[in-house]
């Protein structure tokens, strides 16, 4: 029987229980992150960056606790990493349909395909930080490509 603290951790780690989706929990977690990304996009950039940094630290702790509760490494139900990855992807970018769809597609692509160093991080960094860090790097890659696209297609 889970206590209140454990239930709260599972609720947060699974993105409000979205991680229990029988199909594509990571994709649904990434979609759920878009409302958070909209909120972040309304903040001044310095506030948004501080908010995302705090979100990442808190989420690493939540992921670590959830991993212990589930009793296995990087449980698929934990989607707080996808939520953080999307927040990094969309950080300081316009929240427009083109950027939202492009950012979502790029982030999911990097998260699924795991090009170097993302796969290495996924396989070698333990704990809550390991759960989050591969998605953070995927988000950095997606954000960087979106920025390159902004420059190239101006």
Protein backbone atom coordinates (compact mmCIF):
# COMPACT_ATOMS: atom_id res chain seq x y z
CA UNK A 1 0.00 0.00 0.00
CA UNK A 2 1.42 3.35 -1.04
CA UNK A 3 1.44 6.29 1.35
CA UNK A 4 0.41 9.83 0.38
CA UNK A 5 4.00 10.94 -0.41
CA UNK A 6 4.54 7.98 -2.74
CA UNK A 7 1.21 8.61 -4.48
CA UNK A 8 2.12 12.29 -4.96
CA UNK A 9 5.51 11.32 -6.41
CA UNK A 10 3.92 8.85 -8.82
CA UNK A 11 1.33 11.46 -9.84
CA UNK A 12 4.05 14.02 -10.62
CA UNK A 13 6.47 11.56 -12.21
CA UNK A 14 3.79 10.19 -14.53
CA UNK A 15 2.62 13.62 -15.63
CA UNK A 16 -0.70 13.39 -13.83
CA UNK A 17 -0.93 9.63 -14.56
CA UNK A 18 -0.48 10.12 -18.33
CA UNK A 19 2.53 7.81 -18.11
CA UNK A 20 0.17 4.91 -17.50
CA UNK A 21 -1.10 5.19 -21.09
CA UNK A 22 -0.94 1.71 -22.64
CA UNK A 23 0.47 3.14 -25.86
CA UNK A 24 3.20 5.75 -26.37
CA UNK A 25 3.37 7.16 -22.84
CA UNK A 26 6.42 9.26 -23.76
CA UNK A 27 4.62 10.83 -26.70
CA UNK A 28 1.57 11.60 -24.58
CA UNK A 29 3.83 13.02 -21.86
CA UNK A 30 5.46 15.25 -24.47
CA UNK A 31 2.05 16.44 -25.68
CA UNK A 32 0.97 17.15 -22.11
CA UNK A 33 4.05 19.33 -21.69
CA UNK A 34 2.77 21.78 -24.29
CA UNK A 35 0.47 23.54 -21.81
CA UNK A 36 3.49 24.07 -19.54
CA UNK A 37 5.49 25.30 -22.55
CA UNK A 38 2.73 27.83 -23.31
CA UNK A 39 2.95 29.11 -19.75
CA UNK A 40 6.76 29.31 -19.93
CA UNK A 41 6.58 31.19 -23.25
CA UNK A 42 4.62 33.98 -21.54
CA UNK A 43 7.45 34.63 -19.06
CA UNK A 44 10.41 36.95 -19.57
CA UNK A 45 13.36 34.88 -20.81
CA UNK A 46 15.35 35.21 -17.57
CA UNK A 47 12.35 34.08 -15.50
CA UNK A 48 11.60 31.27 -17.96
CA UNK A 49 15.21 30.02 -17.80
CA UNK A 50 15.18 30.07 -13.99
CA UNK A 51 11.80 28.31 -13.94
CA UNK A 52 13.02 25.57 -16.30
CA UNK A 53 16.22 25.14 -14.28
CA UNK A 54 14.17 24.71 -11.09
CA UNK A 55 11.82 22.33 -12.93
CA UNK A 56 14.78 20.20 -14.03
CA UNK A 57 16.21 19.95 -10.51
CA UNK A 58 12.84 19.13 -8.95
CA UNK A 59 12.06 16.62 -11.70
CA UNK A 60 15.38 14.80 -11.26
CA UNK A 61 14.48 14.30 -7.61
CA UNK A 62 10.94 13.17 -8.51
CA UNK A 63 12.31 10.74 -11.12
CA UNK A 64 14.80 9.33 -8.59
CA UNK A 65 12.04 8.77 -6.02
CA UNK A 66 9.70 7.26 -8.63
CA UNK A 67 12.39 4.87 -9.82
CA UNK A 68 12.71 3.57 -6.25
CA UNK A 69 8.93 3.20 -5.89
CA UNK A 70 8.59 1.35 -9.21
CA UNK A 71 11.67 -0.73 -8.38
CA UNK A 72 13.24 -0.63 -11.83
CA UNK A 73 15.58 1.56 -13.90
CA UNK A 74 13.90 4.26 -16.00
CA UNK A 75 10.30 3.00 -15.74
CA UNK A 76 8.29 3.80 -18.89
CA UNK A 77 5.48 5.24 -16.77
CA UNK A 78 7.77 8.08 -15.69
CA UNK A 79 7.23 10.85 -18.24
CA UNK A 80 8.46 13.83 -16.25
CA UNK A 81 11.63 13.51 -18.34
CA UNK A 82 9.65 14.06 -21.55
CA UNK A 83 7.91 17.03 -19.95
CA UNK A 84 11.30 18.54 -19.08
CA UNK A 85 12.69 17.71 -22.52
CA UNK A 86 9.85 19.59 -24.19
CA UNK A 87 10.33 22.55 -21.82
CA UNK A 88 13.99 22.69 -22.88
CA UNK A 89 13.03 22.26 -26.54
CA UNK A 90 10.65 25.22 -26.48
CA UNK A 91 12.63 27.46 -24.11
CA UNK A 92 12.90 31.00 -25.51
CA UNK A 93 11.29 30.04 -28.81
CA UNK A 94 8.02 31.48 -30.13
CA UNK A 95 4.99 29.41 -29.14
CA UNK A 96 3.53 29.25 -32.64
CA UNK A 97 2.14 26.25 -34.55
CA UNK A 98 5.30 25.92 -36.66
CA UNK A 99 7.60 25.93 -33.63
CA UNK A 100 5.34 23.71 -31.54
CA UNK A 101 4.98 21.06 -34.25
CA UNK A 102 8.63 21.33 -35.30
CA UNK A 103 9.90 21.25 -31.72
CA UNK A 104 7.67 18.31 -30.83
CA UNK A 105 8.75 16.32 -33.90
CA UNK A 106 12.46 17.07 -33.39
CA UNK A 107 12.36 16.30 -29.68
CA UNK A 108 10.49 13.01 -30.15
CA UNK A 109 12.87 12.08 -32.97
CA UNK A 110 15.95 12.67 -30.84
CA UNK A 111 14.35 10.97 -27.83
CA UNK A 112 13.41 7.86 -29.82
CA UNK A 113 16.48 7.54 -32.06
CA UNK A 114 18.96 8.58 -29.34
CA UNK A 115 21.92 9.72 -31.45
CA UNK A 116 25.26 10.17 -29.68
CA UNK A 117 25.63 11.27 -26.91
CA UNK A 118 21.97 10.75 -25.96
CA UNK A 119 22.11 6.93 -26.01
CA UNK A 120 25.38 6.92 -24.06
CA UNK A 121 23.83 9.15 -21.39
CA UNK A 122 20.71 6.96 -21.28
CA UNK A 123 22.83 3.84 -20.74
CA UNK A 124 25.49 5.20 -18.38
CA UNK A 125 24.07 7.93 -16.14
CA UNK A 126 22.21 6.37 -13.21
CA UNK A 127 19.28 7.49 -11.09
CA UNK A 128 16.89 10.38 -11.51
CA UNK A 129 19.52 12.47 -13.27
CA UNK A 130 20.01 9.65 -15.78
CA UNK A 131 16.27 9.47 -16.43
CA UNK A 132 16.19 13.20 -17.18
CA UNK A 133 19.55 13.95 -18.76
CA UNK A 134 19.06 12.12 -22.06
CA UNK A 135 15.78 14.01 -22.60
CA UNK A 136 17.39 17.31 -21.64
CA UNK A 137 20.12 16.76 -24.25
CA UNK A 138 17.46 15.76 -26.81
CA UNK A 139 15.68 19.02 -25.96
CA UNK A 140 18.91 21.02 -26.36
CA UNK A 141 19.49 19.43 -29.78
CA UNK A 142 15.89 20.15 -30.87
CA UNK A 143 16.09 23.74 -29.59
CA UNK A 144 19.40 24.29 -31.40
CA UNK A 145 18.01 22.95 -34.69
CA UNK A 146 14.94 25.17 -34.38
CA UNK A 147 17.22 28.16 -33.85
CA UNK A 148 19.31 27.22 -36.90
CA UNK A 149 16.08 26.98 -38.87
CA UNK A 150 15.09 30.46 -37.69
CA UNK A 151 18.35 31.86 -39.02
CA UNK A 152 18.30 29.93 -42.29
CA UNK A 153 14.68 30.64 -43.21
CA UNK A 154 14.40 34.30 -42.24
